[in-house]
């Protein structure tokens, strides 16, 4: 505790503590600015560069329609009324794409 009673050491320790706080604040501000830039880059990536993913998801859904038609044709070969009704449903589904 003798070092604390020495008045010549107190300003140096307070100055070094203040310098440490300023340095920590500057690094934190720099990190926040860089995170903001990274966030903006991610928004651009999702809005511009990854628009093809939505189209790919729609194509995957559209692939189910021919499979559904093939299964229905195999299961209901003899019933023409159900086939006509099912064809109307398929045309409604296809009109969405």
PDB file of N, CA and C in Angstrom:
ATOM      1  N   UNK A   1       0.806  -1.197   0.000  1.00  0.00           N
ATOM      2  CA  UNK A   1       0.000   0.000   0.000  1.00  0.00           C
ATOM      3  C   UNK A   1       0.849   1.262   0.000  1.00  0.00           C
ATOM      4  N   UNK A   2       2.130   1.117   0.171  1.00  0.00           N
ATOM      5  CA  UNK A   2       2.976   2.305   0.147  1.00  0.00           C
ATOM      6  C   UNK A   2       3.009   2.934  -1.238  1.00  0.00           C
ATOM      7  N   UNK A   3       2.879   2.125  -2.295  1.00  0.00           N
ATOM      8  CA  UNK A   3       2.889   2.686  -3.642  1.00  0.00           C
ATOM      9  C   UNK A   3       1.673   3.566  -3.882  1.00  0.00           C
ATOM     10  N   UNK A   4       0.529   3.244  -3.213  1.00  0.00           N
ATOM     11  CA  UNK A   4      -0.680   4.047  -3.388  1.00  0.00           C
ATOM     12  C   UNK A   4      -0.564   5.374  -2.657  1.00  0.00           C
ATOM     13  N   UNK A   5       0.135   5.376  -1.547  1.00  0.00           N
ATOM     14  CA  UNK A   5       0.319   6.616  -0.787  1.00  0.00           C
ATOM     15  C   UNK A   5       1.283   7.562  -1.486  1.00  0.00           C
ATOM     16  N   UNK A   6       2.094   7.018  -2.368  1.00  0.00           N
ATOM     17  CA  UNK A   6       3.036   7.848  -3.108  1.00  0.00           C
ATOM     18  C   UNK A   6       2.244   8.622  -4.169  1.00  0.00           C
ATOM     19  N   UNK A   7       2.185   9.925  -4.078  1.00  0.00           N
ATOM     20  CA  UNK A   7       1.379  10.743  -4.970  1.00  0.00           C
ATOM     21  C   UNK A   7       1.974  10.814  -6.372  1.00  0.00           C
ATOM     22  N   UNK A   8       3.215  10.499  -6.531  1.00  0.00           N
ATOM     23  CA  UNK A   8       3.806  10.493  -7.871  1.00  0.00           C
ATOM     24  C   UNK A   8       3.357   9.281  -8.679  1.00  0.00           C
ATOM     25  N   UNK A   9       3.014   8.187  -8.039  1.00  0.00           N
ATOM     26  CA  UNK A   9       2.606   6.971  -8.732  1.00  0.00           C
ATOM     27  C   UNK A   9       1.126   6.990  -9.102  1.00  0.00           C
ATOM     28  N   UNK A  10       0.309   7.709  -8.359  1.00  0.00           N
ATOM     29  CA  UNK A  10      -1.137   7.726  -8.605  1.00  0.00           C
ATOM     30  C   UNK A  10      -1.477   8.288  -9.986  1.00  0.00           C
ATOM     31  N   UNK A  11      -0.925   9.440 -10.402  1.00  0.00           N
ATOM     32  CA  UNK A  11      -1.283   9.934 -11.745  1.00  0.00           C
ATOM     33  C   UNK A  11      -0.843   8.986 -12.859  1.00  0.00           C
ATOM     34  N   UNK A  12       0.289   8.333 -12.683  1.00  0.00           N
ATOM     35  CA  UNK A  12       0.738   7.388 -13.711  1.00  0.00           C
ATOM     36  C   UNK A  12      -0.215   6.197 -13.808  1.00  0.00           C
ATOM     37  N   UNK A  13      -0.648   5.679 -12.688  1.00  0.00           N
ATOM     38  CA  UNK A  13      -1.565   4.532 -12.725  1.00  0.00           C
ATOM     39  C   UNK A  13      -2.927   4.934 -13.274  1.00  0.00           C
ATOM     40  N   UNK A  14      -3.411   6.140 -12.899  1.00  0.00           N
ATOM     41  CA  UNK A  14      -4.689   6.598 -13.441  1.00  0.00           C
ATOM     42  C   UNK A  14      -4.583   6.886 -14.937  1.00  0.00           C
ATOM     43  N   UNK A  15      -3.466   7.429 -15.377  1.00  0.00           N
ATOM     44  CA  UNK A  15      -3.259   7.694 -16.791  1.00  0.00           C
ATOM     45  C   UNK A  15      -3.185   6.389 -17.595  1.00  0.00           C
ATOM     46  N   UNK A  16      -2.506   5.402 -17.057  1.00  0.00           N
ATOM     47  CA  UNK A  16      -2.423   4.115 -17.757  1.00  0.00           C
ATOM     48  C   UNK A  16      -3.784   3.424 -17.783  1.00  0.00           C
ATOM     49  N   UNK A  17      -4.551   3.550 -16.698  1.00  0.00           N
ATOM     50  CA  UNK A  17      -5.897   2.979 -16.678  1.00  0.00           C
ATOM     51  C   UNK A  17      -6.790   3.687 -17.694  1.00  0.00           C
ATOM     52  N   UNK A  18      -6.708   5.002 -17.769  1.00  0.00           N
ATOM     53  CA  UNK A  18      -7.483   5.761 -18.755  1.00  0.00           C
ATOM     54  C   UNK A  18      -7.093   5.399 -20.174  1.00  0.00           C
ATOM     55  N   UNK A  19      -5.788   5.245 -20.415  1.00  0.00           N
ATOM     56  CA  UNK A  19      -5.317   4.841 -21.733  1.00  0.00           C
ATOM     57  C   UNK A  19      -5.843   3.457 -22.096  1.00  0.00           C
ATOM     58  N   UNK A  20      -5.878   2.567 -21.115  1.00  0.00           N
ATOM     59  CA  UNK A  20      -6.420   1.224 -21.346  1.00  0.00           C
ATOM     60  C   UNK A  20      -7.905   1.290 -21.688  1.00  0.00           C
ATOM     61  N   UNK A  21      -8.658   2.153 -21.031  1.00  0.00           N
ATOM     62  CA  UNK A  21     -10.088   2.297 -21.322  1.00  0.00           C
ATOM     63  C   UNK A  21     -10.292   2.859 -22.730  1.00  0.00           C
ATOM     64  N   UNK A  22      -9.503   3.862 -23.107  1.00  0.00           N
ATOM     65  CA  UNK A  22      -9.614   4.438 -24.447  1.00  0.00           C
ATOM     66  C   UNK A  22      -9.266   3.392 -25.501  1.00  0.00           C
ATOM     67  N   UNK A  23      -8.227   2.625 -25.278  1.00  0.00           N
ATOM     68  CA  UNK A  23      -7.832   1.582 -26.219  1.00  0.00           C
ATOM     69  C   UNK A  23      -8.924   0.519 -26.354  1.00  0.00           C
ATOM     70  N   UNK A  24      -9.511   0.117 -25.237  1.00  0.00           N
ATOM     71  CA  UNK A  24     -10.597  -0.863 -25.272  1.00  0.00           C
ATOM     72  C   UNK A  24     -11.807  -0.312 -26.008  1.00  0.00           C
ATOM     73  N   UNK A  25     -12.142   0.958 -25.763  1.00  0.00           N
ATOM     74  CA  UNK A  25     -13.268   1.579 -26.463  1.00  0.00           C
ATOM     75  C   UNK A  25     -13.031   1.685 -27.952  1.00  0.00           C
ATOM     76  N   UNK A  26     -11.807   2.028 -28.359  1.00  0.00           N
ATOM     77  CA  UNK A  26     -11.498   2.140 -29.784  1.00  0.00           C
ATOM     78  C   UNK A  26     -11.590   0.787 -30.473  1.00  0.00           C
ATOM     79  N   UNK A  27     -11.083  -0.246 -29.846  1.00  0.00           N
ATOM     80  CA  UNK A  27     -11.160  -1.586 -30.430  1.00  0.00           C
ATOM     81  C   UNK A  27     -12.615  -2.053 -30.503  1.00  0.00           C
ATOM     82  N   UNK A  28     -13.389  -1.744 -29.484  1.00  0.00           N
ATOM     83  CA  UNK A  28     -14.806  -2.127 -29.501  1.00  0.00           C
ATOM     84  C   UNK A  28     -15.559  -1.397 -30.607  1.00  0.00           C
ATOM     85  N   UNK A  29     -15.287  -0.106 -30.781  1.00  0.00           N
ATOM     86  CA  UNK A  29     -15.949   0.646 -31.849  1.00  0.00           C
ATOM     87  C   UNK A  29     -15.564   0.092 -33.214  1.00  0.00           C
ATOM     88  N   UNK A  30     -14.312  -0.248 -33.388  1.00  0.00           N
ATOM     89  CA  UNK A  30     -13.862  -0.833 -34.649  1.00  0.00           C
ATOM     90  C   UNK A  30     -14.558  -2.170 -34.903  1.00  0.00           C
ATOM     91  N   UNK A  31     -14.711  -2.959 -33.864  1.00  0.00           N
ATOM     92  CA  UNK A  31     -15.391  -4.254 -34.014  1.00  0.00           C
ATOM     93  C   UNK A  31     -16.857  -4.060 -34.389  1.00  0.00           C
ATOM     94  N   UNK A  32     -17.519  -3.076 -33.793  1.00  0.00           N
ATOM     95  CA  UNK A  32     -18.926  -2.821 -34.105  1.00  0.00           C
ATOM     96  C   UNK A  32     -19.075  -2.363 -35.550  1.00  0.00           C
ATOM     97  N   UNK A  33     -18.176  -1.504 -36.009  1.00  0.00           N
ATOM     98  CA  UNK A  33     -18.230  -1.039 -37.398  1.00  0.00           C
ATOM     99  C   UNK A  33     -18.014  -2.210 -38.348  1.00  0.00           C
ATOM    100  N   UNK A  34     -17.067  -3.066 -38.053  1.00  0.00           N
ATOM    101  CA  UNK A  34     -16.808  -4.222 -38.927  1.00  0.00           C
ATOM    102  C   UNK A  34     -17.971  -5.207 -38.920  1.00  0.00           C
ATOM    103  N   UNK A  35     -18.605  -5.402 -37.775  1.00  0.00           N
ATOM    104  CA  UNK A  35     -19.775  -6.287 -37.717  1.00  0.00           C
ATOM    105  C   UNK A  35     -20.935  -5.702 -38.506  1.00  0.00           C
ATOM    106  N   UNK A  36     -21.078  -4.384 -38.479  1.00  0.00           N
ATOM    107  CA  UNK A  36     -22.124  -3.745 -39.268  1.00  0.00           C
ATOM    108  C   UNK A  36     -21.872  -3.945 -40.758  1.00  0.00           C
ATOM    109  N   UNK A  37     -20.624  -3.804 -41.181  1.00  0.00           N
ATOM    110  CA  UNK A  37     -20.292  -4.043 -42.588  1.00  0.00           C
ATOM    111  C   UNK A  37     -20.549  -5.504 -42.971  1.00  0.00           C
ATOM    112  N   UNK A  38     -20.202  -6.415 -42.089  1.00  0.00           N
ATOM    113  CA  UNK A  38     -20.440  -7.834 -42.370  1.00  0.00           C
ATOM    114  C   UNK A  38     -21.931  -8.115 -42.472  1.00  0.00           C
ATOM    115  N   UNK A  39     -22.726  -7.464 -41.632  1.00  0.00           N
ATOM    116  CA  UNK A  39     -24.171  -7.646 -41.683  1.00  0.00           C
ATOM    117  C   UNK A  39     -24.723  -7.129 -43.011  1.00  0.00           C
ATOM    118  N   UNK A  40     -24.228  -5.982 -43.459  1.00  0.00           N
ATOM    119  CA  UNK A  40     -24.671  -5.455 -44.753  1.00  0.00           C
ATOM    120  C   UNK A  40     -24.273  -6.385 -45.889  1.00  0.00           C
ATOM    121  N   UNK A  41     -23.091  -6.959 -45.815  1.00  0.00           N
ATOM    122  CA  UNK A  41     -22.655  -7.893 -46.853  1.00  0.00           C
ATOM    123  C   UNK A  41     -23.533  -9.146 -46.873  1.00  0.00           C
ATOM    124  N   UNK A  42     -23.914  -9.619 -45.702  1.00  0.00           N
ATOM    125  CA  UNK A  42     -24.788 -10.798 -45.643  1.00  0.00           C
ATOM    126  C   UNK A  42     -26.165 -10.492 -46.224  1.00  0.00           C
ATOM    127  N   UNK A  43     -26.685  -9.288 -45.967  1.00  0.00           N
ATOM    128  CA  UNK A  43     -27.977  -8.920 -46.545  1.00  0.00           C
ATOM    129  C   UNK A  43     -27.895  -8.894 -48.066  1.00  0.00           C
ATOM    130  N   UNK A  44     -26.814  -8.331 -48.610  1.00  0.00           N
ATOM    131  CA  UNK A  44     -26.641  -8.304 -50.056  1.00  0.00           C
ATOM    132  C   UNK A  44     -26.525  -9.730 -50.594  1.00  0.00           C
ATOM    133  N   UNK A  45     -25.807 -10.583 -49.866  1.00  0.00           N
ATOM    134  CA  UNK A  45     -25.653 -11.969 -50.299  1.00  0.00           C
ATOM    135  C   UNK A  45     -26.993 -12.667 -50.382  1.00  0.00           C
ATOM    136  N   UNK A  46     -27.821 -12.522 -49.348  1.00  0.00           N
ATOM    137  CA  UNK A  46     -29.108 -13.209 -49.351  1.00  0.00           C
ATOM    138  C   UNK A  46     -30.084 -12.602 -50.348  1.00  0.00           C
ATOM    139  N   UNK A  47     -30.048 -11.272 -50.528  1.00  0.00           N
ATOM    140  CA  UNK A  47     -31.021 -10.647 -51.422  1.00  0.00           C
ATOM    141  C   UNK A  47     -30.640 -10.800 -52.888  1.00  0.00           C
ATOM    142  N   UNK A  48     -29.366 -10.695 -53.208  1.00  0.00           N
ATOM    143  CA  UNK A  48     -28.957 -10.694 -54.615  1.00  0.00           C
ATOM    144  C   UNK A  48     -28.418 -12.032 -55.085  1.00  0.00           C
ATOM    145  N   UNK A  49     -27.507 -12.594 -54.330  1.00  0.00           N
ATOM    146  CA  UNK A  49     -26.777 -13.760 -54.817  1.00  0.00           C
ATOM    147  C   UNK A  49     -27.507 -15.076 -54.602  1.00  0.00           C
ATOM    148  N   UNK A  50     -28.407 -15.138 -53.651  1.00  0.00           N
ATOM    149  CA  UNK A  50     -29.054 -16.411 -53.352  1.00  0.00           C
ATOM    150  C   UNK A  50     -30.521 -16.439 -53.786  1.00  0.00           C
ATOM    151  N   UNK A  51     -30.869 -15.627 -54.771  1.00  0.00           N
ATOM    152  CA  UNK A  51     -32.247 -15.676 -55.261  1.00  0.00           C
ATOM    153  C   UNK A  51     -32.529 -16.982 -55.993  1.00  0.00           C
ATOM    154  N   UNK A  52     -31.485 -17.624 -56.494  1.00  0.00           N
ATOM    155  CA  UNK A  52     -31.666 -18.900 -57.181  1.00  0.00           C
ATOM    156  C   UNK A  52     -32.118 -20.019 -56.267  1.00  0.00           C
ATOM    157  N   UNK A  53     -31.892 -19.879 -54.963  1.00  0.00           N
ATOM    158  CA  UNK A  53     -32.330 -20.934 -54.038  1.00  0.00           C
ATOM    159  C   UNK A  53     -33.849 -21.042 -53.997  1.00  0.00           C
ATOM    160  N   UNK A  54     -34.550 -19.920 -54.063  1.00  0.00           N
ATOM    161  CA  UNK A  54     -36.008 -19.965 -54.068  1.00  0.00           C
ATOM    162  C   UNK A  54     -36.502 -20.650 -55.337  1.00  0.00           C
ATOM    163  N   UNK A  55     -35.870 -20.344 -56.466  1.00  0.00           N
ATOM    164  CA  UNK A  55     -36.256 -20.989 -57.718  1.00  0.00           C
ATOM    165  C   UNK A  55     -35.985 -22.493 -57.641  1.00  0.00           C
ATOM    166  N   UNK A  56     -34.855 -22.866 -57.033  1.00  0.00           N
ATOM    167  CA  UNK A  56     -34.534 -24.290 -56.895  1.00  0.00           C
ATOM    168  C   UNK A  56     -35.553 -24.996 -56.003  1.00  0.00           C
ATOM    169  N   UNK A  57     -35.991 -24.338 -54.938  1.00  0.00           N
ATOM    170  CA  UNK A  57     -37.019 -24.940 -54.090  1.00  0.00           C
ATOM    171  C   UNK A  57     -38.325 -25.123 -54.858  1.00  0.00           C
ATOM    172  N   UNK A  58     -38.688 -24.135 -55.691  1.00  0.00           N
ATOM    173  CA  UNK A  58     -39.899 -24.272 -56.497  1.00  0.00           C
ATOM    174  C   UNK A  58     -39.772 -25.416 -57.497  1.00  0.00           C
ATOM    175  N   UNK A  59     -38.570 -25.609 -58.043  1.00  0.00           N
ATOM    176  CA  UNK A  59     -38.374 -26.714 -58.980  1.00  0.00           C
ATOM    177  C   UNK A  59     -38.500 -28.066 -58.285  1.00  0.00           C
ATOM    178  N   UNK A  60     -38.035 -28.151 -57.049  1.00  0.00           N
ATOM    179  CA  UNK A  60     -38.178 -29.402 -56.305  1.00  0.00           C
ATOM    180  C   UNK A  60     -39.642 -29.712 -56.074  1.00  0.00           C
ATOM    181  N   UNK A  61     -40.429 -28.693 -55.739  1.00  0.00           N
ATOM    182  CA  UNK A  61     -41.866 -28.904 -55.554  1.00  0.00           C
ATOM    183  C   UNK A  61     -42.520 -29.294 -56.871  1.00  0.00           C
ATOM    184  N   UNK A  62     -42.085 -28.678 -57.966  1.00  0.00           N
ATOM    185  CA  UNK A  62     -42.670 -28.990 -59.276  1.00  0.00           C
ATOM    186  C   UNK A  62     -42.346 -30.413 -59.718  1.00  0.00           C
ATOM    187  N   UNK A  63     -41.250 -30.973 -59.236  1.00  0.00           N
ATOM    188  CA  UNK A  63     -40.910 -32.353 -59.592  1.00  0.00           C
ATOM    189  C   UNK A  63     -41.865 -33.358 -58.976  1.00  0.00           C
ATOM    190  N   UNK A  64     -42.540 -32.998 -57.893  1.00  0.00           N
ATOM    191  CA  UNK A  64     -43.463 -33.932 -57.260  1.00  0.00           C
ATOM    192  C   UNK A  64     -44.691 -34.184 -58.117  1.00  0.00           C
ATOM    193  N   UNK A  65     -45.079 -33.219 -58.954  1.00  0.00           N
ATOM    194  CA  UNK A  65     -46.291 -33.356 -59.753  1.00  0.00           C
ATOM    195  C   UNK A  65     -46.205 -34.511 -60.752  1.00  0.00           C
ATOM    196  N   UNK A  66     -45.153 -34.667 -61.539  1.00  0.00           N
ATOM    197  CA  UNK A  66     -45.109 -35.850 -62.433  1.00  0.00           C
ATOM    198  C   UNK A  66     -45.082 -37.177 -61.670  1.00  0.00           C
ATOM    199  N   UNK A  67     -44.423 -37.209 -60.541  1.00  0.00           N
ATOM    200  CA  UNK A  67     -44.430 -38.434 -59.747  1.00  0.00           C
ATOM    201  C   UNK A  67     -45.814 -38.765 -59.230  1.00  0.00           C
ATOM    202  N   UNK A  68     -46.529 -37.723 -58.833  1.00  0.00           N
ATOM    203  CA  UNK A  68     -47.903 -37.934 -58.355  1.00  0.00           C
ATOM    204  C   UNK A  68     -48.791 -38.433 -59.488  1.00  0.00           C
ATOM    205  N   UNK A  69     -48.620 -37.894 -60.676  1.00  0.00           N
ATOM    206  CA  UNK A  69     -49.407 -38.346 -61.824  1.00  0.00           C
ATOM    207  C   UNK A  69     -49.108 -39.805 -62.170  1.00  0.00           C
ATOM    208  N   UNK A  70     -47.851 -40.167 -62.109  1.00  0.00           N
ATOM    209  CA  UNK A  70     -47.481 -41.553 -62.439  1.00  0.00           C
ATOM    210  C   UNK A  70     -48.070 -42.523 -61.426  1.00  0.00           C
ATOM    211  N   UNK A  71     -47.998 -42.197 -60.140  1.00  0.00           N
ATOM    212  CA  UNK A  71     -48.573 -43.084 -59.120  1.00  0.00           C
ATOM    213  C   UNK A  71     -50.088 -43.196 -59.279  1.00  0.00           C
ATOM    214  N   UNK A  72     -50.739 -42.066 -59.559  1.00  0.00           N
ATOM    215  CA  UNK A  72     -52.189 -42.096 -59.720  1.00  0.00           C
ATOM    216  C   UNK A  72     -52.586 -42.922 -60.939  1.00  0.00           C
ATOM    217  N   UNK A  73     -51.820 -42.805 -62.017  1.00  0.00           N
ATOM    218  CA  UNK A  73     -52.137 -43.570 -63.230  1.00  0.00           C
ATOM    219  C   UNK A  73     -52.004 -45.065 -62.983  1.00  0.00           C
ATOM    220  N   UNK A  74     -51.017 -45.457 -62.208  1.00  0.00           N
ATOM    221  CA  UNK A  74     -50.825 -46.882 -61.932  1.00  0.00           C
ATOM    222  C   UNK A  74     -51.934 -47.411 -61.028  1.00  0.00           C
ATOM    223  N   UNK A  75     -52.327 -46.627 -60.035  1.00  0.00           N
ATOM    224  CA  UNK A  75     -53.320 -47.102 -59.064  1.00  0.00           C
ATOM    225  C   UNK A  75     -54.748 -47.073 -59.597  1.00  0.00           C
ATOM    226  N   UNK A  76     -55.060 -46.138 -60.453  1.00  0.00           N
ATOM    227  CA  UNK A  76     -56.448 -45.955 -60.892  1.00  0.00           C
ATOM    228  C   UNK A  76     -56.571 -46.038 -62.414  1.00  0.00           C
ATOM    229  N   UNK A  77     -56.144 -47.143 -62.960  1.00  0.00           N
ATOM    230  CA  UNK A  77     -56.171 -47.301 -64.416  1.00  0.00           C
ATOM    231  C   UNK A  77     -57.603 -47.426 -64.920  1.00  0.00           C
ATOM    232  N   UNK A  78     -58.456 -48.113 -64.208  1.00  0.00           N
ATOM    233  CA  UNK A  78     -59.798 -48.413 -64.718  1.00  0.00           C
ATOM    234  C   UNK A  78     -60.829 -47.334 -64.485  1.00  0.00           C
ATOM    235  N   UNK A  79     -60.636 -46.382 -63.618  1.00  0.00           N
ATOM    236  CA  UNK A  79     -61.662 -45.389 -63.264  1.00  0.00           C
ATOM    237  C   UNK A  79     -61.371 -44.068 -63.980  1.00  0.00           C
ATOM    238  N   UNK A  80     -62.094 -43.811 -65.093  1.00  0.00           N
ATOM    239  CA  UNK A  80     -61.835 -42.611 -65.892  1.00  0.00           C
ATOM    240  C   UNK A  80     -62.351 -41.338 -65.226  1.00  0.00           C
ATOM    241  N   UNK A  81     -63.410 -41.423 -64.432  1.00  0.00           N
ATOM    242  CA  UNK A  81     -63.947 -40.216 -63.787  1.00  0.00           C
ATOM    243  C   UNK A  81     -62.964 -39.666 -62.748  1.00  0.00           C
ATOM    244  N   UNK A  82     -62.332 -40.565 -62.009  1.00  0.00           N
ATOM    245  CA  UNK A  82     -61.332 -40.104 -61.038  1.00  0.00           C
ATOM    246  C   UNK A  82     -60.111 -39.533 -61.738  1.00  0.00           C
ATOM    247  N   UNK A  83     -59.768 -40.110 -62.885  1.00  0.00           N
ATOM    248  CA  UNK A  83     -58.627 -39.601 -63.641  1.00  0.00           C
ATOM    249  C   UNK A  83     -58.905 -38.191 -64.162  1.00  0.00           C
ATOM    250  N   UNK A  84     -60.132 -37.940 -64.627  1.00  0.00           N
ATOM    251  CA  UNK A  84     -60.491 -36.608 -65.117  1.00  0.00           C
ATOM    252  C   UNK A  84     -60.482 -35.593 -63.972  1.00  0.00           C
ATOM    253  N   UNK A  85     -61.012 -36.001 -62.823  1.00  0.00           N
ATOM    254  CA  UNK A  85     -61.017 -35.112 -61.668  1.00  0.00           C
ATOM    255  C   UNK A  85     -59.588 -34.806 -61.223  1.00  0.00           C
ATOM    256  N   UNK A  86     -58.763 -35.824 -61.227  1.00  0.00           N
ATOM    257  CA  UNK A  86     -57.371 -35.644 -60.817  1.00  0.00           C
ATOM    258  C   UNK A  86     -56.602 -34.787 -61.832  1.00  0.00           C
ATOM    259  N   UNK A  87     -56.943 -34.887 -63.092  1.00  0.00           N
ATOM    260  CA  UNK A  87     -56.293 -34.055 -64.107  1.00  0.00           C
ATOM    261  C   UNK A  87     -56.610 -32.575 -63.879  1.00  0.00           C
ATOM    262  N   UNK A  88     -57.851 -32.272 -63.469  1.00  0.00           N
ATOM    263  CA  UNK A  88     -58.212 -30.890 -63.145  1.00  0.00           C
ATOM    264  C   UNK A  88     -57.386 -30.375 -61.967  1.00  0.00           C
ATOM    265  N   UNK A  89     -57.204 -31.224 -60.949  1.00  0.00           N
ATOM    266  CA  UNK A  89     -56.411 -30.823 -59.787  1.00  0.00           C
ATOM    267  C   UNK A  89     -54.963 -30.560 -60.178  1.00  0.00           C
ATOM    268  N   UNK A  90     -54.412 -31.389 -61.024  1.00  0.00           N
ATOM    269  CA  UNK A  90     -53.026 -31.227 -61.485  1.00  0.00           C
ATOM    270  C   UNK A  90     -52.892 -29.940 -62.282  1.00  0.00           C
ATOM    271  N   UNK A  91     -53.873 -29.626 -63.141  1.00  0.00           N
ATOM    272  CA  UNK A  91     -53.809 -28.384 -63.913  1.00  0.00           C
ATOM    273  C   UNK A  91     -53.882 -27.156 -63.029  1.00  0.00           C
ATOM    274  N   UNK A  92     -54.658 -27.218 -61.958  1.00  0.00           N
ATOM    275  CA  UNK A  92     -54.711 -26.096 -61.002  1.00  0.00           C
ATOM    276  C   UNK A  92     -53.362 -25.943 -60.300  1.00  0.00           C
ATOM    277  N   UNK A  93     -52.767 -27.049 -59.907  1.00  0.00           N
ATOM    278  CA  UNK A  93     -51.445 -26.989 -59.269  1.00  0.00           C
ATOM    279  C   UNK A  93     -50.386 -26.467 -60.224  1.00  0.00           C
ATOM    280  N   UNK A  94     -50.466 -26.873 -61.479  1.00  0.00           N
ATOM    281  CA  UNK A  94     -49.474 -26.460 -62.460  1.00  0.00           C
ATOM    282  C   UNK A  94     -49.607 -24.979 -62.804  1.00  0.00           C
ATOM    283  N   UNK A  95     -50.815 -24.437 -62.699  1.00  0.00           N
ATOM    284  CA  UNK A  95     -51.011 -23.023 -63.028  1.00  0.00           C
ATOM    285  C   UNK A  95     -50.360 -22.099 -61.996  1.00  0.00           C
ATOM    286  N   UNK A  96     -50.053 -22.613 -60.824  1.00  0.00           N
ATOM    287  CA  UNK A  96     -49.377 -21.785 -59.797  1.00  0.00           C
ATOM    288  C   UNK A  96     -47.923 -21.524 -60.165  1.00  0.00           C
ATOM    289  N   UNK A  97     -47.334 -22.361 -60.969  1.00  0.00           N
ATOM    290  CA  UNK A  97     -45.910 -22.200 -61.311  1.00  0.00           C
ATOM    291  C   UNK A  97     -45.831 -21.468 -62.582  1.00  0.00           C
TER     292      UNK A  97
END
